[in-house]
N, C-alpha and C. Protein backbone atom coordinates (compact mmCIF):
# COMPACT_ATOMS: atom_id res chain seq x y z
N UNK A 1 -24.42 19.84 24.22
CA UNK A 1 -24.56 18.82 25.25
C UNK A 1 -25.92 18.17 25.12
N UNK A 2 -25.96 16.90 25.43
CA UNK A 2 -27.25 16.23 25.36
C UNK A 2 -27.83 16.00 26.75
N UNK A 3 -29.15 16.09 26.78
CA UNK A 3 -29.86 15.84 28.03
C UNK A 3 -30.17 14.36 28.15
N UNK A 4 -30.09 13.85 29.39
CA UNK A 4 -30.44 12.47 29.67
C UNK A 4 -31.38 12.46 30.87
N UNK A 5 -32.21 11.44 30.94
CA UNK A 5 -33.13 11.30 32.08
C UNK A 5 -32.34 10.75 33.27
N UNK A 6 -32.33 11.52 34.34
CA UNK A 6 -31.61 11.10 35.54
C UNK A 6 -32.55 10.33 36.47
N UNK A 7 -33.84 10.63 36.41
CA UNK A 7 -34.83 9.95 37.25
C UNK A 7 -36.22 10.28 36.74
N UNK A 8 -37.17 9.41 37.01
CA UNK A 8 -38.58 9.72 36.73
C UNK A 8 -39.33 9.70 38.05
N UNK A 9 -40.34 10.53 38.13
CA UNK A 9 -41.11 10.67 39.36
C UNK A 9 -42.58 10.43 39.08
N UNK A 10 -43.32 10.00 40.10
CA UNK A 10 -44.74 9.70 39.90
C UNK A 10 -45.62 10.95 39.78
N UNK A 11 -45.06 12.13 40.13
CA UNK A 11 -45.85 13.36 40.01
C UNK A 11 -44.94 14.57 39.90
N UNK A 12 -45.51 15.68 39.48
CA UNK A 12 -44.71 16.89 39.26
C UNK A 12 -44.13 17.46 40.55
N UNK A 13 -44.82 17.29 41.65
CA UNK A 13 -44.32 17.84 42.91
C UNK A 13 -42.97 17.21 43.27
N UNK A 14 -42.87 15.91 43.17
CA UNK A 14 -41.61 15.25 43.49
C UNK A 14 -40.52 15.62 42.50
N UNK A 15 -40.88 15.78 41.24
CA UNK A 15 -39.90 16.18 40.23
C UNK A 15 -39.36 17.58 40.53
N UNK A 16 -40.22 18.48 40.97
CA UNK A 16 -39.77 19.84 41.30
C UNK A 16 -38.87 19.84 42.53
N UNK A 17 -39.17 19.01 43.51
CA UNK A 17 -38.31 18.91 44.70
C UNK A 17 -36.92 18.42 44.30
N UNK A 18 -36.87 17.39 43.47
CA UNK A 18 -35.58 16.85 43.02
C UNK A 18 -34.82 17.88 42.18
N UNK A 19 -35.52 18.60 41.31
CA UNK A 19 -34.86 19.62 40.50
C UNK A 19 -34.25 20.69 41.41
N UNK A 20 -34.99 21.12 42.41
CA UNK A 20 -34.48 22.13 43.34
C UNK A 20 -33.24 21.64 44.08
N UNK A 21 -33.24 20.38 44.47
CA UNK A 21 -32.08 19.82 45.15
C UNK A 21 -30.86 19.83 44.23
N UNK A 22 -31.04 19.37 43.00
CA UNK A 22 -29.92 19.36 42.06
C UNK A 22 -29.42 20.77 41.78
N UNK A 23 -30.34 21.71 41.60
CA UNK A 23 -29.93 23.08 41.32
C UNK A 23 -29.23 23.73 42.51
N UNK A 24 -29.57 23.31 43.73
CA UNK A 24 -28.86 23.83 44.90
C UNK A 24 -27.41 23.33 44.94
N UNK A 25 -27.13 22.28 44.19
CA UNK A 25 -25.77 21.74 44.07
C UNK A 25 -25.10 22.21 42.77
N UNK A 26 -25.73 23.15 42.08
CA UNK A 26 -25.13 23.71 40.88
C UNK A 26 -25.36 22.90 39.62
N UNK A 27 -26.29 21.96 39.64
CA UNK A 27 -26.59 21.15 38.46
C UNK A 27 -27.92 21.61 37.89
N UNK A 28 -27.87 22.12 36.67
CA UNK A 28 -29.08 22.56 35.98
C UNK A 28 -29.92 21.33 35.64
N UNK A 29 -31.20 21.36 35.94
CA UNK A 29 -32.09 20.24 35.66
C UNK A 29 -33.35 20.74 34.98
N UNK A 30 -33.95 19.88 34.17
CA UNK A 30 -35.14 20.23 33.41
C UNK A 30 -36.19 19.15 33.60
N UNK A 31 -37.42 19.57 33.83
CA UNK A 31 -38.54 18.64 33.89
C UNK A 31 -39.12 18.56 32.50
N UNK A 32 -39.09 17.38 31.91
CA UNK A 32 -39.56 17.19 30.55
C UNK A 32 -41.03 17.56 30.43
N UNK A 33 -41.37 18.32 29.43
CA UNK A 33 -42.73 18.77 29.14
C UNK A 33 -43.31 19.64 30.25
N UNK A 34 -42.45 20.26 31.04
CA UNK A 34 -42.93 21.08 32.16
C UNK A 34 -43.87 22.18 31.70
N UNK A 35 -43.59 22.79 30.57
CA UNK A 35 -44.40 23.91 30.13
C UNK A 35 -45.74 23.48 29.55
N UNK A 36 -45.89 22.19 29.27
CA UNK A 36 -47.19 21.73 28.78
C UNK A 36 -48.09 21.31 29.93
N UNK A 37 -47.52 21.25 31.13
CA UNK A 37 -48.32 20.90 32.32
C UNK A 37 -48.86 22.17 32.93
N UNK A 38 -50.04 22.09 33.45
CA UNK A 38 -50.62 23.25 34.10
C UNK A 38 -49.89 23.53 35.41
N UNK A 39 -49.67 24.79 35.70
CA UNK A 39 -49.02 25.17 36.94
C UNK A 39 -49.83 24.71 38.15
N UNK A 40 -51.12 24.63 37.99
CA UNK A 40 -51.97 24.30 39.13
C UNK A 40 -52.37 22.83 39.18
N UNK A 41 -51.91 22.05 38.21
CA UNK A 41 -52.29 20.65 38.22
C UNK A 41 -51.28 19.84 39.00
N UNK A 42 -51.68 18.70 39.42
CA UNK A 42 -50.82 17.75 40.11
C UNK A 42 -50.78 16.53 39.21
N UNK A 43 -49.91 16.60 38.20
CA UNK A 43 -49.85 15.55 37.20
C UNK A 43 -49.34 14.26 37.82
N UNK A 44 -50.00 13.17 37.50
CA UNK A 44 -49.60 11.86 38.00
C UNK A 44 -49.20 11.01 36.81
N UNK A 45 -48.14 10.29 36.95
CA UNK A 45 -47.60 9.46 35.89
C UNK A 45 -46.09 9.63 35.89
N UNK A 46 -45.43 9.18 34.86
CA UNK A 46 -43.98 9.34 34.82
C UNK A 46 -43.61 10.75 34.41
N UNK A 47 -42.91 11.44 35.29
CA UNK A 47 -42.45 12.80 35.03
C UNK A 47 -40.92 12.74 35.00
N UNK A 48 -40.31 12.81 33.80
CA UNK A 48 -38.85 12.69 33.69
C UNK A 48 -38.12 13.97 34.11
N UNK A 49 -37.05 13.78 34.86
CA UNK A 49 -36.15 14.86 35.24
C UNK A 49 -34.86 14.65 34.46
N UNK A 50 -34.41 15.69 33.76
CA UNK A 50 -33.27 15.55 32.87
C UNK A 50 -32.12 16.48 33.27
N UNK A 51 -30.91 16.00 33.01
CA UNK A 51 -29.70 16.79 33.26
C UNK A 51 -28.77 16.62 32.06
N UNK A 52 -27.77 17.50 31.96
CA UNK A 52 -26.74 17.32 30.94
C UNK A 52 -26.03 16.00 31.19
N UNK A 53 -25.68 15.34 30.12
CA UNK A 53 -25.03 14.03 30.21
C UNK A 53 -23.79 14.07 31.10
N UNK A 54 -23.04 15.16 31.04
CA UNK A 54 -21.81 15.26 31.84
C UNK A 54 -22.09 15.33 33.35
N UNK A 55 -23.31 15.69 33.74
CA UNK A 55 -23.68 15.79 35.16
C UNK A 55 -24.45 14.58 35.67
N UNK A 56 -24.67 13.60 34.81
CA UNK A 56 -25.54 12.47 35.16
C UNK A 56 -25.07 11.73 36.43
N UNK A 57 -23.82 11.34 36.48
CA UNK A 57 -23.34 10.54 37.61
C UNK A 57 -23.45 11.31 38.91
N UNK A 58 -23.02 12.55 38.92
CA UNK A 58 -23.11 13.37 40.15
C UNK A 58 -24.57 13.60 40.54
N UNK A 59 -25.43 13.83 39.57
CA UNK A 59 -26.86 14.04 39.86
C UNK A 59 -27.46 12.78 40.49
N UNK A 60 -27.14 11.60 39.97
CA UNK A 60 -27.65 10.35 40.55
C UNK A 60 -27.18 10.20 42.00
N UNK A 61 -25.92 10.52 42.23
CA UNK A 61 -25.38 10.43 43.60
C UNK A 61 -26.14 11.35 44.54
N UNK A 62 -26.38 12.57 44.12
CA UNK A 62 -27.08 13.54 44.96
C UNK A 62 -28.50 13.06 45.25
N UNK A 63 -29.21 12.64 44.22
CA UNK A 63 -30.59 12.19 44.41
C UNK A 63 -30.65 10.96 45.30
N UNK A 64 -29.72 10.04 45.12
CA UNK A 64 -29.71 8.81 45.92
C UNK A 64 -29.36 9.10 47.37
N UNK A 65 -28.39 9.97 47.59
CA UNK A 65 -27.91 10.25 48.95
C UNK A 65 -28.82 11.18 49.74
N UNK A 66 -29.46 12.13 49.06
CA UNK A 66 -30.14 13.19 49.80
C UNK A 66 -31.66 13.18 49.76
N UNK A 67 -32.25 12.39 48.88
CA UNK A 67 -33.71 12.32 48.85
C UNK A 67 -34.16 11.00 49.46
N UNK A 68 -35.09 11.06 50.38
CA UNK A 68 -35.61 9.81 50.96
C UNK A 68 -36.40 9.05 49.90
N UNK A 69 -36.50 7.75 50.07
CA UNK A 69 -37.33 6.99 49.14
C UNK A 69 -38.78 7.45 49.21
N UNK A 70 -39.51 7.20 48.16
CA UNK A 70 -40.93 7.57 48.11
C UNK A 70 -41.66 6.81 49.22
N UNK A 71 -42.30 7.54 50.15
CA UNK A 71 -42.97 6.86 51.27
C UNK A 71 -44.09 5.93 50.81
N UNK A 72 -44.74 6.22 49.69
CA UNK A 72 -45.80 5.36 49.19
C UNK A 72 -45.22 4.04 48.70
N UNK A 73 -44.11 4.11 47.95
CA UNK A 73 -43.50 2.89 47.42
C UNK A 73 -42.88 2.04 48.52
N UNK A 74 -42.38 2.64 49.59
CA UNK A 74 -41.71 1.87 50.64
C UNK A 74 -42.67 1.40 51.73
N UNK A 75 -43.96 1.73 51.61
CA UNK A 75 -44.95 1.35 52.60
C UNK A 75 -45.26 -0.14 52.50
N UNK A 76 -45.27 -0.79 53.62
CA UNK A 76 -45.69 -2.20 53.64
C UNK A 76 -46.64 -2.39 54.82
N UNK A 77 -47.66 -3.14 54.59
CA UNK A 77 -48.68 -3.35 55.63
C UNK A 77 -48.35 -4.54 56.48
């Protein structure tokens, strides 16, 4: 099976939250380059979250339906 990027996040914390949500629904997810990131760092930049290609559509639905939008991106003054 091939892995595909289901979403990218601005930091590792958000990627871990999304991975936990997907895994609670029985979808295995992987954070790309997770092992090269320090456990104690708060990496900022594009952090890809990947799933098996066969789970892509369901994973997108779960992330769209159950995760609120990024409060920083939706902020307007």
